[in-house]
Amino acid sequence: MKTLLAFFLLTAVTTTFGQIANENTFSAKVDGKDYTTQPRRVRIGRYWFVTANAIKPDKSVRIWLASYDNKDTVEPGTYLIVDADKPDTRENWKRLQDLGTYKGLAAVKYVEETKEPRMEYHVGMSQNNNETITVTKAADGALEATFNSTLAGTYWKEKGTATVFGGVGRLMSKMEDKVITKTTGYDSDIDPEGNGYKKQDKTDTVVIKDAKFKLKMN
């Protein structure tokens, strides 16, 4: 998952740097607060990522979708939400095959900047809780999806060594990433894992309710 997310971010950021206008919509309640934005989509083989981002503070809801039948499109149906840290495993695919009722696998990840500039984060990862994402196709051909998910929450803080040795260069890099996130609508280097941050002992849950998105496919 980490490799796929890294490749996704690189692809998304290098695709374009201008403000991307679109008719996509995303809305949800995250821990009881309204979250509304215009999502973007990226396809890598049979894997699809939907990234729904906001700024001030930087936030990102990412939805990963993969079809069981290896098709390179997201088709209507029900997708089983699994552990976001290890979604694409042989065990998950076997479970899907044994159940025989799902179109594919899905994972959900939430990232929120809790101290600027990207000093601390709150992260939520979907688990194997038998949750699902339901995908339908609208009359205009757009994909629509709905889901609810309770994520395992963790907290991350920038390592002192990363702050000291990174110096002005690290700060400038973070500010550039914030600009890219704002101007393109794609999240640029927002994920703290493996990026000079340390996971803290505190844990909680991130509750996403009444989430729905609509993606134009042309």
C-alpha atoms as a PDB file:
ATOM      1  CA  MET A   1       0.000   0.000   0.000  1.00  0.00           C
ATOM      2  CA  LYS A   2       2.830   2.392   0.853  1.00  0.00           C
ATOM      3  CA  THR A   3       4.447   1.886  -2.553  1.00  0.00           C
ATOM      4  CA  LEU A   4       1.148   2.361  -4.354  1.00  0.00           C
ATOM      5  CA  LEU A   5       0.365   5.529  -2.433  1.00  0.00           C
ATOM      6  CA  ALA A   6       3.810   6.961  -3.142  1.00  0.00           C
ATOM      7  CA  PHE A   7       3.428   6.271  -6.865  1.00  0.00           C
ATOM      8  CA  PHE A   8      -0.083   7.718  -6.806  1.00  0.00           C
ATOM      9  CA  LEU A   9       1.090  10.942  -5.236  1.00  0.00           C
ATOM     10  CA  LEU A  10       3.977  11.295  -7.680  1.00  0.00           C
ATOM     11  CA  THR A  11       1.639  10.713 -10.633  1.00  0.00           C
ATOM     12  CA  ALA A  12      -0.983  13.093  -9.327  1.00  0.00           C
ATOM     13  CA  VAL A  13       1.393  15.964  -8.654  1.00  0.00           C
ATOM     14  CA  THR A  14       3.330  15.706 -11.902  1.00  0.00           C
ATOM     15  CA  THR A  15       0.219  15.436 -14.048  1.00  0.00           C
ATOM     16  CA  THR A  16      -0.553  19.138 -13.812  1.00  0.00           C
ATOM     17  CA  PHE A  17       0.195  22.170 -11.707  1.00  0.00           C
ATOM     18  CA  GLY A  18      -2.699  24.432 -12.648  1.00  0.00           C
ATOM     19  CA  GLN A  19      -5.954  24.711 -10.776  1.00  0.00           C
ATOM     20  CA  ILE A  20      -8.075  21.820 -11.987  1.00  0.00           C
ATOM     21  CA  ALA A  21     -11.741  22.656 -12.412  1.00  0.00           C
ATOM     22  CA  ASN A  22     -14.103  19.720 -12.233  1.00  0.00           C
ATOM     23  CA  GLU A  23     -17.690  18.765 -11.524  1.00  0.00           C
ATOM     24  CA  ASN A  24     -16.801  16.064  -9.002  1.00  0.00           C
ATOM     25  CA  THR A  25     -18.297  16.244  -5.531  1.00  0.00           C
ATOM     26  CA  PHE A  26     -17.494  14.742  -2.146  1.00  0.00           C
ATOM     27  CA  SER A  27     -19.265  15.215   1.155  1.00  0.00           C
ATOM     28  CA  ALA A  28     -19.115  13.495   4.520  1.00  0.00           C
ATOM     29  CA  LYS A  29     -19.119  14.053   8.239  1.00  0.00           C
ATOM     30  CA  VAL A  30     -15.714  13.402   9.788  1.00  0.00           C
ATOM     31  CA  ASP A  31     -16.001  13.102  13.551  1.00  0.00           C
ATOM     32  CA  GLY A  32     -19.272  14.985  13.291  1.00  0.00           C
ATOM     33  CA  LYS A  33     -17.905  17.889  11.220  1.00  0.00           C
ATOM     34  CA  ASP A  34     -18.935  18.594   7.635  1.00  0.00           C
ATOM     35  CA  TYR A  35     -16.307  17.857   5.012  1.00  0.00           C
ATOM     36  CA  THR A  36     -17.040  19.009   1.458  1.00  0.00           C
ATOM     37  CA  THR A  37     -14.642  19.279  -1.465  1.00  0.00           C
ATOM     38  CA  GLN A  38     -14.040  18.353  -5.119  1.00  0.00           C
ATOM     39  CA  PRO A  39     -12.282  14.982  -5.352  1.00  0.00           C
ATOM     40  CA  ARG A  40      -9.792  13.830  -7.975  1.00  0.00           C
ATOM     41  CA  ARG A  41      -9.271  10.336  -9.352  1.00  0.00           C
ATOM     42  CA  VAL A  42      -6.223   8.430 -10.557  1.00  0.00           C
ATOM     43  CA  ARG A  43      -6.084   4.982 -12.153  1.00  0.00           C
ATOM     44  CA  ILE A  44      -3.019   2.747 -11.935  1.00  0.00           C
ATOM     45  CA  GLY A  45      -3.771  -0.531 -13.714  1.00  0.00           C
ATOM     46  CA  ARG A  46      -6.711  -2.107 -11.903  1.00  0.00           C
ATOM     47  CA  TYR A  47      -6.217   0.180  -8.899  1.00  0.00           C
ATOM     48  CA  TRP A  48      -8.186   3.387  -8.476  1.00  0.00           C
ATOM     49  CA  PHE A  49      -7.552   6.175  -6.024  1.00  0.00           C
ATOM     50  CA  VAL A  50     -10.018   8.899  -5.169  1.00  0.00           C
ATOM     51  CA  THR A  51      -8.447  11.772  -3.252  1.00  0.00           C
ATOM     52  CA  ALA A  52     -10.652  14.394  -1.614  1.00  0.00           C
ATOM     53  CA  ASN A  53      -8.592  17.237  -0.195  1.00  0.00           C
ATOM     54  CA  ALA A  54      -9.089  20.460   1.728  1.00  0.00           C
ATOM     55  CA  ILE A  55      -6.755  23.134   3.099  1.00  0.00           C
ATOM     56  CA  LYS A  56      -6.418  25.294   6.232  1.00  0.00           C
ATOM     57  CA  PRO A  57      -5.617  22.857   7.732  1.00  0.00           C
ATOM     58  CA  ASP A  58      -4.509  20.405   5.055  1.00  0.00           C
ATOM     59  CA  LYS A  59      -6.793  17.362   5.022  1.00  0.00           C
ATOM     60  CA  SER A  60      -7.146  14.355   2.788  1.00  0.00           C
ATOM     61  CA  VAL A  61      -9.641  11.519   2.464  1.00  0.00           C
ATOM     62  CA  ARG A  62      -8.333   8.819   0.128  1.00  0.00           C
ATOM     63  CA  ILE A  63     -10.373   5.927  -1.154  1.00  0.00           C
ATOM     64  CA  TRP A  64      -8.592   3.002  -2.824  1.00  0.00           C
ATOM     65  CA  LEU A  65     -10.620   0.656  -5.057  1.00  0.00           C
ATOM     66  CA  ALA A  66      -9.580  -2.535  -6.822  1.00  0.00           C
ATOM     67  CA  SER A  67     -11.693  -4.848  -8.945  1.00  0.00           C
ATOM     68  CA  TYR A  68     -11.608  -8.593  -8.355  1.00  0.00           C
ATOM     69  CA  ASP A  69     -11.871  -9.381 -12.062  1.00  0.00           C
ATOM     70  CA  ASN A  70      -8.831  -7.230 -12.942  1.00  0.00           C
ATOM     71  CA  LYS A  71     -10.809  -4.756 -15.022  1.00  0.00           C
ATOM     72  CA  ASP A  72      -9.314  -1.286 -15.322  1.00  0.00           C
ATOM     73  CA  THR A  73     -12.617   0.447 -14.587  1.00  0.00           C
ATOM     74  CA  VAL A  74     -14.586   0.804 -11.387  1.00  0.00           C
ATOM     75  CA  GLU A  75     -17.881  -0.946 -12.002  1.00  0.00           C
ATOM     76  CA  PRO A  76     -21.110  -0.631 -10.020  1.00  0.00           C
ATOM     77  CA  GLY A  77     -21.322  -2.974  -7.085  1.00  0.00           C
ATOM     78  CA  THR A  78     -20.338  -3.412  -3.465  1.00  0.00           C
ATOM     79  CA  TYR A  79     -16.669  -3.206  -2.438  1.00  0.00           C
ATOM     80  CA  LEU A  80     -15.414  -4.664   0.827  1.00  0.00           C
ATOM     81  CA  ILE A  81     -13.424  -2.190   2.946  1.00  0.00           C
ATOM     82  CA  VAL A  82     -10.259  -3.743   4.401  1.00  0.00           C
ATOM     83  CA  ASP A  83      -7.193  -2.745   6.425  1.00  0.00           C
ATOM     84  CA  ALA A  84      -5.767   0.326   4.671  1.00  0.00           C
ATOM     85  CA  ASP A  85      -2.224  -0.563   5.702  1.00  0.00           C
ATOM     86  CA  LYS A  86      -2.361  -3.955   3.956  1.00  0.00           C
ATOM     87  CA  PRO A  87      -5.271  -4.018   1.498  1.00  0.00           C
ATOM     88  CA  ASP A  88      -3.792  -5.842  -1.476  1.00  0.00           C
ATOM     89  CA  THR A  89      -2.985  -9.170   0.155  1.00  0.00           C
ATOM     90  CA  ARG A  90      -3.555 -12.751  -0.937  1.00  0.00           C
ATOM     91  CA  GLU A  91      -5.649 -13.304   2.193  1.00  0.00           C
ATOM     92  CA  ASN A  92      -7.991 -10.427   1.372  1.00  0.00           C
ATOM     93  CA  TRP A  93      -8.478 -11.573  -2.211  1.00  0.00           C
ATOM     94  CA  LYS A  94      -9.134 -15.146  -1.069  1.00  0.00           C
ATOM     95  CA  ARG A  95     -11.671 -13.888   1.454  1.00  0.00           C
ATOM     96  CA  LEU A  96     -13.364 -11.919  -1.308  1.00  0.00           C
ATOM     97  CA  GLN A  97     -13.457 -14.983  -3.546  1.00  0.00           C
ATOM     98  CA  ASP A  98     -14.846 -17.177  -0.768  1.00  0.00           C
ATOM     99  CA  LEU A  99     -17.600 -14.692   0.045  1.00  0.00           C
ATOM    100  CA  GLY A 100     -18.524 -14.302  -3.624  1.00  0.00           C
ATOM    101  CA  THR A 101     -20.705 -11.241  -3.075  1.00  0.00           C
ATOM    102  CA  TYR A 102     -18.365  -8.294  -3.625  1.00  0.00           C
ATOM    103  CA  LYS A 103     -17.127  -6.558  -6.752  1.00  0.00           C
ATOM    104  CA  GLY A 104     -13.699  -5.845  -5.258  1.00  0.00           C
ATOM    105  CA  LEU A 105     -11.688  -4.429  -2.370  1.00  0.00           C
ATOM    106  CA  ALA A 106     -11.571  -0.920  -0.953  1.00  0.00           C
ATOM    107  CA  ALA A 107      -9.573   0.978   1.656  1.00  0.00           C
ATOM    108  CA  VAL A 108     -10.009   4.390   3.251  1.00  0.00           C
ATOM    109  CA  LYS A 109      -7.355   6.682   4.726  1.00  0.00           C
ATOM    110  CA  TYR A 110      -7.749  10.068   6.400  1.00  0.00           C
ATOM    111  CA  VAL A 111      -4.904  12.518   7.060  1.00  0.00           C
ATOM    112  CA  GLU A 112      -5.229  15.869   8.832  1.00  0.00           C
ATOM    113  CA  GLU A 113      -2.548  18.430   9.596  1.00  0.00           C
ATOM    114  CA  THR A 114      -2.935  19.323  13.289  1.00  0.00           C
ATOM    115  CA  LYS A 115       0.039  21.695  13.637  1.00  0.00           C
ATOM    116  CA  GLU A 116       1.371  23.917  10.870  1.00  0.00           C
ATOM    117  CA  PRO A 117       3.400  23.774   8.749  1.00  0.00           C
ATOM    118  CA  ARG A 118       2.875  20.022   8.620  1.00  0.00           C
ATOM    119  CA  MET A 119       4.534  19.516  11.990  1.00  0.00           C
ATOM    120  CA  GLU A 120       1.923  17.127  13.381  1.00  0.00           C
ATOM    121  CA  TYR A 121      -0.793  14.914  11.903  1.00  0.00           C
ATOM    122  CA  HIS A 122      -3.848  12.905  12.834  1.00  0.00           C
ATOM    123  CA  VAL A 123      -4.200   9.797  10.648  1.00  0.00           C
ATOM    124  CA  GLY A 124      -7.070   7.334  10.298  1.00  0.00           C
ATOM    125  CA  MET A 125      -6.876   3.947   8.565  1.00  0.00           C
ATOM    126  CA  SER A 126      -9.747   1.628   7.671  1.00  0.00           C
ATOM    127  CA  GLN A 127      -9.769  -1.819   9.244  1.00  0.00           C
ATOM    128  CA  ASN A 128     -11.299  -5.225   8.555  1.00  0.00           C
ATOM    129  CA  ASN A 129     -14.653  -4.270  10.068  1.00  0.00           C
ATOM    130  CA  ASN A 130     -16.957  -5.735   7.385  1.00  0.00           C
ATOM    131  CA  GLU A 131     -17.727  -2.233   6.117  1.00  0.00           C
ATOM    132  CA  THR A 132     -18.516  -1.608   2.461  1.00  0.00           C
ATOM    133  CA  ILE A 133     -18.548   1.025  -0.263  1.00  0.00           C
ATOM    134  CA  THR A 134     -21.504   0.922  -2.644  1.00  0.00           C
ATOM    135  CA  VAL A 135     -20.790   2.158  -6.178  1.00  0.00           C
ATOM    136  CA  THR A 136     -23.533   3.004  -8.676  1.00  0.00           C
ATOM    137  CA  LYS A 137     -23.598   4.624 -12.103  1.00  0.00           C
ATOM    138  CA  ALA A 138     -25.682   7.764 -12.637  1.00  0.00           C
ATOM    139  CA  ALA A 139     -27.735   8.489 -15.771  1.00  0.00           C
ATOM    140  CA  ASP A 140     -24.967  10.787 -17.054  1.00  0.00           C
ATOM    141  CA  GLY A 141     -22.367   8.026 -16.710  1.00  0.00           C
ATOM    142  CA  ALA A 142     -20.775   9.427 -13.567  1.00  0.00           C
ATOM    143  CA  LEU A 143     -19.794   7.086 -10.767  1.00  0.00           C
ATOM    144  CA  GLU A 144     -21.467   7.638  -7.427  1.00  0.00           C
ATOM    145  CA  ALA A 145     -20.479   5.981  -4.169  1.00  0.00           C
ATOM    146  CA  THR A 146     -21.585   5.957  -0.547  1.00  0.00           C
ATOM    147  CA  PHE A 147     -19.975   4.583   2.591  1.00  0.00           C
ATOM    148  CA  ASN A 148     -19.498   4.809   6.354  1.00  0.00           C
ATOM    149  CA  SER A 149     -16.271   3.788   8.020  1.00  0.00           C
ATOM    150  CA  THR A 150     -14.676   3.849  11.461  1.00  0.00           C
ATOM    151  CA  LEU A 151     -10.920   4.280  11.091  1.00  0.00           C
ATOM    152  CA  ALA A 152      -8.143   3.428  13.525  1.00  0.00           C
ATOM    153  CA  GLY A 153      -6.654   6.785  14.526  1.00  0.00           C
ATOM    154  CA  THR A 154      -3.011   7.542  15.247  1.00  0.00           C
ATOM    155  CA  TYR A 155      -1.027  10.721  15.871  1.00  0.00           C
ATOM    156  CA  TRP A 156       2.279  11.691  14.282  1.00  0.00           C
ATOM    157  CA  LYS A 157       4.849  14.328  15.192  1.00  0.00           C
ATOM    158  CA  GLU A 158       7.844  15.532  13.200  1.00  0.00           C
ATOM    159  CA  LYS A 159      11.094  14.123  14.567  1.00  0.00           C
ATOM    160  CA  GLY A 160      13.431  16.641  16.151  1.00  0.00           C
ATOM    161  CA  THR A 161      16.271  15.401  13.972  1.00  0.00           C
ATOM    162  CA  ALA A 162      14.192  15.946  10.828  1.00  0.00           C
ATOM    163  CA  THR A 163      13.434  19.518  11.916  1.00  0.00           C
ATOM    164  CA  VAL A 164      17.035  20.342  12.839  1.00  0.00           C
ATOM    165  CA  PHE A 165      18.886  18.671   9.996  1.00  0.00           C
ATOM    166  CA  GLY A 166      16.221  19.492   7.421  1.00  0.00           C
ATOM    167  CA  GLY A 167      16.461  23.160   8.323  1.00  0.00           C
ATOM    168  CA  VAL A 168      15.174  25.804   5.937  1.00  0.00           C
ATOM    169  CA  GLY A 169      15.208  23.345   3.032  1.00  0.00           C
ATOM    170  CA  ARG A 170      12.685  21.042   4.719  1.00  0.00           C
ATOM    171  CA  LEU A 171      10.497  23.985   5.659  1.00  0.00           C
ATOM    172  CA  MET A 172      10.544  25.316   2.086  1.00  0.00           C
ATOM    173  CA  SER A 173       9.736  21.858   0.747  1.00  0.00           C
ATOM    174  CA  LYS A 174       6.713  21.606   3.026  1.00  0.00           C
ATOM    175  CA  MET A 175       5.500  25.040   1.967  1.00  0.00           C
ATOM    176  CA  GLU A 176       5.872  24.063  -1.698  1.00  0.00           C
ATOM    177  CA  ASP A 177       3.867  20.898  -1.049  1.00  0.00           C
ATOM    178  CA  LYS A 178       1.135  22.973   0.586  1.00  0.00           C
ATOM    179  CA  VAL A 179       0.993  25.202  -2.494  1.00  0.00           C
ATOM    180  CA  ILE A 180       0.757  22.185  -4.799  1.00  0.00           C
ATOM    181  CA  THR A 181      -2.045  20.734  -2.679  1.00  0.00           C
ATOM    182  CA  LYS A 182      -3.925  24.026  -2.842  1.00  0.00           C
ATOM    183  CA  THR A 183      -3.459  24.747  -6.546  1.00  0.00           C
ATOM    184  CA  THR A 184      -3.926  21.274  -8.034  1.00  0.00           C
ATOM    185  CA  GLY A 185      -6.441  19.700  -5.690  1.00  0.00           C
ATOM    186  CA  TYR A 186      -4.119  16.709  -5.264  1.00  0.00           C
ATOM    187  CA  ASP A 187      -2.421  16.059  -1.931  1.00  0.00           C
ATOM    188  CA  SER A 188       1.322  16.522  -2.214  1.00  0.00           C
ATOM    189  CA  ASP A 189       3.490  14.686   0.337  1.00  0.00           C
ATOM    190  CA  ILE A 190       0.873  14.982   3.057  1.00  0.00           C
ATOM    191  CA  ASP A 191       1.407  11.482   4.449  1.00  0.00           C
ATOM    192  CA  PRO A 192       3.657  11.482   7.564  1.00  0.00           C
ATOM    193  CA  GLU A 193       4.541   7.783   7.546  1.00  0.00           C
ATOM    194  CA  GLY A 194       8.151   7.238   6.519  1.00  0.00           C
ATOM    195  CA  ASN A 195       8.643  10.950   5.946  1.00  0.00           C
ATOM    196  CA  GLY A 196      10.527  12.122   9.032  1.00  0.00           C
ATOM    197  CA  TYR A 197       7.669  11.750  11.522  1.00  0.00           C
ATOM    198  CA  LYS A 198       7.237   9.531  14.575  1.00  0.00           C
ATOM    199  CA  LYS A 199       4.015   7.804  15.575  1.00  0.00           C
ATOM    200  CA  GLN A 200       2.865   8.848  19.031  1.00  0.00           C
ATOM    201  CA  ASP A 201       1.422   6.566  21.711  1.00  0.00           C
ATOM    202  CA  LYS A 202      -2.024   8.177  21.598  1.00  0.00           C
ATOM    203  CA  THR A 203      -4.671   6.370  19.566  1.00  0.00           C
ATOM    204  CA  ASP A 204      -8.361   6.919  18.892  1.00  0.00           C
ATOM    205  CA  THR A 205     -10.906   6.501  16.116  1.00  0.00           C
ATOM    206  CA  VAL A 206     -11.877   8.665  13.152  1.00  0.00           C
ATOM    207  CA  VAL A 207     -15.530   8.249  12.240  1.00  0.00           C
ATOM    208  CA  ILE A 208     -16.572   8.992   8.657  1.00  0.00           C
ATOM    209  CA  LYS A 209     -20.340   9.011   8.195  1.00  0.00           C
ATOM    210  CA  ASP A 210     -22.684   9.625   5.283  1.00  0.00           C
ATOM    211  CA  ALA A 211     -19.763   9.860   2.858  1.00  0.00           C
ATOM    212  CA  LYS A 212     -20.642  10.145  -0.800  1.00  0.00           C
ATOM    213  CA  PHE A 213     -18.813  11.158  -3.925  1.00  0.00           C
ATOM    214  CA  LYS A 214     -19.629  11.650  -7.571  1.00  0.00           C
ATOM    215  CA  LEU A 215     -16.966  11.357 -10.264  1.00  0.00           C
ATOM    216  CA  LYS A 216     -17.408  12.406 -13.875  1.00  0.00           C
ATOM    217  CA  MET A 217     -15.810   9.772 -16.075  1.00  0.00           C
ATOM    218  CA  ASN A 218     -15.249  11.832 -19.239  1.00  0.00           C
END
